[in-house]
Amino acid sequence: MPMRKAVPVIVALALLLVAASPAAAQISPVRVYYAGPEGSVRQSLGLADEFEIVSDPLQAEVLVLNAAIPDPAAIAARVREGAGLLLILGPELTAEAVGAVLGVPVGVGFKLAPISLIPARGMADPVLTEIVWTSAPQVRERFELASPASDLCPLVLGFEDGSFILATRKVGQG
């Protein structure tokens, strides 16, 4: 798997593992709805025993949207009700669809310049402690999210320009 494709897979698994409870004999798997291309992200989710892939977003505890948002209004409603969301930006996503899901107007753009990754300072998220971001390969091709609302909380930044590579935002109960 090319190194630039490994970063989203690592991020996806780390975020989903954060949502999972510690392993125990009686704990049921986290129900995950996946939308996007068949590939490394989908394959990784299918291989993990901690996750059960469901076909209905209403049944899911976590929604993984990999460069696809099948029904922005329905997804946004599900997230506001409390479902977790992992959104991986991609070329088919419009600013309107992303904004609808996140609940704020946004801009989406493509970047090609290589950047190194660093964790945001002062954050205690497990995604930051479980992955050594400073040793991750540089990210080249990527989509950038620009939001006029300053309530996006960065987790991983581009070293060179401070751009948000991984961020979090509370949306309703999700």
Protein backbone atom coordinates (compact mmCIF):
# COMPACT_ATOMS: atom_id res chain seq x y z
CA MET A 1 0.00 0.00 0.00
CA PRO A 2 1.51 3.40 -0.92
CA MET A 3 2.53 5.46 2.09
CA ARG A 4 0.12 8.32 1.33
CA LYS A 5 -2.77 5.87 1.45
CA ALA A 6 -1.58 4.47 4.78
CA VAL A 7 -2.24 7.67 6.72
CA PRO A 8 -6.06 7.67 6.23
CA VAL A 9 -6.20 3.97 7.13
CA ILE A 10 -4.20 4.55 10.32
CA VAL A 11 -6.34 7.55 11.22
CA ALA A 12 -9.58 5.68 10.52
CA LEU A 13 -8.59 2.71 12.64
CA ALA A 14 -7.28 4.88 15.46
CA LEU A 15 -10.48 6.92 15.60
CA LEU A 16 -12.69 3.86 15.51
CA LEU A 17 -10.65 2.10 18.17
CA VAL A 18 -11.11 5.14 20.40
CA ALA A 19 -14.88 4.65 20.08
CA ALA A 20 -14.63 0.96 20.98
CA SER A 21 -14.71 -0.23 24.57
CA PRO A 22 -11.94 -2.41 25.98
CA ALA A 23 -12.14 -5.99 24.76
CA ALA A 24 -14.23 -8.33 26.85
CA ALA A 25 -16.10 -11.54 26.20
CA GLN A 26 -19.56 -9.93 26.43
CA ILE A 27 -18.88 -6.69 24.54
CA SER A 28 -20.59 -6.46 21.17
CA PRO A 29 -18.73 -4.98 18.21
CA VAL A 30 -19.12 -1.31 17.25
CA ARG A 31 -21.66 -0.98 14.43
CA VAL A 32 -20.05 0.95 11.57
CA TYR A 33 -21.70 2.33 8.44
CA TYR A 34 -19.23 2.73 5.56
CA ALA A 35 -19.75 4.79 2.41
CA GLY A 36 -17.03 5.14 -0.18
CA PRO A 37 -14.88 3.17 -2.56
CA GLU A 38 -13.85 -0.40 -1.93
CA GLY A 39 -10.23 -0.19 -0.91
CA SER A 40 -7.85 -0.14 2.03
CA VAL A 41 -10.14 1.76 4.43
CA ARG A 42 -13.10 -0.55 3.81
CA GLN A 43 -10.88 -3.63 3.88
CA SER A 44 -9.32 -2.60 7.21
CA LEU A 45 -12.74 -2.11 8.78
CA GLY A 46 -13.90 -5.51 7.54
CA LEU A 47 -10.86 -7.28 8.98
CA ALA A 48 -11.22 -5.93 12.52
CA ASP A 49 -13.29 -8.07 14.89
CA GLU A 50 -14.19 -4.95 16.89
CA PHE A 51 -16.40 -3.63 14.07
CA GLU A 52 -19.61 -4.85 12.51
CA ILE A 53 -20.31 -3.26 9.11
CA VAL A 54 -23.98 -2.28 8.73
CA SER A 55 -25.76 -1.12 5.58
CA ASP A 56 -28.12 1.35 7.26
CA PRO A 57 -26.72 4.56 8.81
CA LEU A 58 -29.59 4.54 11.31
CA GLN A 59 -28.21 1.30 12.75
CA ALA A 60 -24.64 2.61 13.08
CA GLU A 61 -22.78 3.92 16.09
CA VAL A 62 -20.04 5.32 13.85
CA LEU A 63 -20.31 6.59 10.27
CA VAL A 64 -17.19 6.30 8.09
CA LEU A 65 -17.54 8.45 4.99
CA ASN A 66 -14.58 7.94 2.69
CA ALA A 67 -14.83 10.60 -0.05
CA ALA A 68 -18.60 10.00 -0.27
CA ILE A 69 -21.69 11.37 1.47
CA PRO A 70 -24.68 9.43 0.14
CA ASP A 71 -27.40 11.57 1.78
CA PRO A 72 -25.99 14.67 3.52
CA ALA A 73 -29.23 15.56 5.32
CA ALA A 74 -29.76 12.03 6.70
CA ILE A 75 -26.11 11.70 7.71
CA ALA A 76 -26.19 15.11 9.43
CA ALA A 77 -29.33 14.12 11.34
CA ARG A 78 -27.75 10.83 12.47
CA VAL A 79 -24.61 12.62 13.69
CA ARG A 80 -26.68 15.20 15.60
CA GLU A 81 -28.46 12.26 17.28
CA GLY A 82 -25.15 10.95 18.61
CA ALA A 83 -23.40 8.81 15.98
CA GLY A 84 -19.67 9.27 15.65
CA LEU A 85 -18.34 10.41 12.28
CA LEU A 86 -15.08 9.92 10.44
CA LEU A 87 -15.10 12.03 7.28
CA ILE A 88 -12.29 11.53 4.78
CA LEU A 89 -12.37 14.27 2.16
CA GLY A 90 -12.15 13.37 -1.53
CA PRO A 91 -12.60 14.78 -5.04
CA GLU A 92 -16.32 13.96 -5.32
CA LEU A 93 -17.33 15.86 -2.17
CA THR A 94 -18.81 19.32 -2.50
CA ALA A 95 -18.42 22.08 0.04
CA GLU A 96 -22.21 22.11 0.41
CA ALA A 97 -22.41 18.39 1.31
CA VAL A 98 -19.51 18.61 3.76
CA GLY A 99 -20.95 21.77 5.32
CA ALA A 100 -24.35 20.11 5.69
CA VAL A 101 -22.83 17.19 7.60
CA LEU A 102 -20.59 19.35 9.79
CA GLY A 103 -23.27 21.95 10.44
CA VAL A 104 -21.12 24.91 9.32
CA PRO A 105 -20.34 26.43 5.93
CA VAL A 106 -16.96 25.23 4.67
CA GLY A 107 -14.65 25.39 1.71
CA VAL A 108 -12.97 22.33 0.26
CA GLY A 109 -9.78 22.59 -1.78
CA PHE A 110 -7.05 20.36 -3.19
CA LYS A 111 -3.39 20.68 -2.16
CA LEU A 112 -0.35 19.02 -3.67
CA ALA A 113 2.62 20.55 -1.80
CA PRO A 114 4.28 18.03 0.56
CA ILE A 115 4.01 18.63 4.29
CA SER A 116 5.18 16.86 7.42
CA LEU A 117 2.76 16.04 10.23
CA ILE A 118 2.83 17.19 13.85
CA PRO A 119 0.35 16.70 16.69
CA ALA A 120 -1.51 19.76 17.94
CA ARG A 121 -0.17 21.07 21.24
CA GLY A 122 -2.19 20.79 24.40
CA MET A 123 -4.51 18.05 23.17
CA ALA A 124 -4.98 14.74 25.03
CA ASP A 125 -6.81 12.74 22.36
CA PRO A 126 -5.79 9.04 22.11
CA VAL A 127 -5.21 9.54 18.37
CA LEU A 128 -2.28 11.73 19.33
CA THR A 129 -0.77 9.41 21.92
CA GLU A 130 -1.15 6.16 19.96
CA ILE A 131 0.47 7.38 16.72
CA VAL A 132 3.89 9.02 16.41
CA TRP A 133 2.84 11.70 13.92
CA THR A 134 6.28 13.27 13.60
CA SER A 135 7.62 10.03 12.11
CA ALA A 136 4.72 9.62 9.65
CA PRO A 137 5.54 10.00 5.97
CA GLN A 138 4.93 13.37 4.37
CA VAL A 139 1.46 13.97 3.03
CA ARG A 140 1.29 15.22 -0.54
CA GLU A 141 -2.03 14.91 -2.32
CA ARG A 142 -4.76 15.96 0.08
CA PHE A 143 -7.97 17.86 0.42
CA GLU A 144 -8.11 20.82 2.71
CA LEU A 145 -11.09 21.95 4.72
CA ALA A 146 -11.47 25.66 5.35
CA SER A 147 -14.15 26.80 7.77
CA PRO A 148 -15.09 30.38 8.63
CA ALA A 149 -16.24 29.01 11.98
CA SER A 150 -13.30 28.61 14.31
CA ASP A 151 -14.79 25.70 16.25
CA LEU A 152 -12.79 23.02 14.44
CA CYS A 153 -10.34 21.62 16.96
CA PRO A 154 -7.08 20.53 15.30
CA LEU A 155 -5.52 17.22 16.25
CA VAL A 156 -2.85 16.86 13.56
CA LEU A 157 -1.35 19.79 11.67
CA GLY A 158 0.91 20.38 8.71
CA PHE A 159 4.31 21.36 10.11
CA GLU A 160 5.11 23.76 7.29
CA ASP A 161 1.85 25.72 7.13
CA GLY A 162 -0.23 24.81 10.19
CA SER A 163 -3.03 23.43 8.00
CA PHE A 164 -5.50 21.04 9.60
CA ILE A 165 -4.81 17.44 8.56
CA LEU A 166 -7.02 15.87 11.22
CA ALA A 167 -9.54 17.85 13.24
CA THR A 168 -12.55 17.24 15.43
CA ARG A 169 -15.81 19.09 15.95
CA LYS A 170 -18.83 18.42 18.13
CA VAL A 171 -22.02 18.23 16.05
CA GLY A 172 -25.16 17.90 18.14
CA GLN A 173 -24.73 14.77 20.27
CA GLY A 174 -22.22 13.24 17.83
